[in-house]
């Protein structure tokens, strides 16, 4: 499905079955049937192009509100508005919320988000008073999304395309890595930071990061995030 419809498709669970659906043209329908065999096709209802918005709901983490531009931020909250059109993360995933919760407990300083996606963590850091703020990702589309979202939020950050396992990394006191446990473990030794906010893994996983002291763990809905300090 990713190869047939790289622009996106819909996955829905039905008991123990999975239904995959793509919004496409007759040509796309023919490609789908050629790969999977005959399937069901039906005309979409009016307003289908906006139906995806119902899956993107705002999240509240302490004094931070993170949500899409069509939702109204909570009164008095520090709003981080993220356009989810690029599908790089909107702040609603438990690992993102956990990272934000850990960041709220830190004193603002320099900050780098490694594997930034849409820039949620980097933008939140800038809103919380961290500076300078860097946002790095290997995907150009993610870097562009982070730059656009930063501009929409009126914050300043440096969004850069980089291979965080091989390219040089900006100097920052706090680093955030919300991707996978394996990436956290691989990049930890390359960091000059004194504080590491790590997530992207389930509660049963615990990163093995030599040279770092574990300080805090937070868990939510089966996911975990950890705060490490330099030994």
Foldseek 3Di string as FASTA:
>chain_A
DCVLCVLDWDWDDDPPDIDIGDPDDVVSQVVVCVVVNDDDDDDDDPPPVCVVQVVWDWDDAPLEIWGAPVDDDDPNGLYQHAHCSVVQDGQPDPLSSQLLNVLVPDDAEAEEEAQQQLNRVQLSSQSVPHPDYEYEHQDPVRLVNVVVSNVVSVGDYHYDYDDLLPDQDDAIQEYEYQDDLVVCQRNLVRHPHFKYKYWPAFPVDDRDHPQWAWDDWDHDPRTIITMIGGD
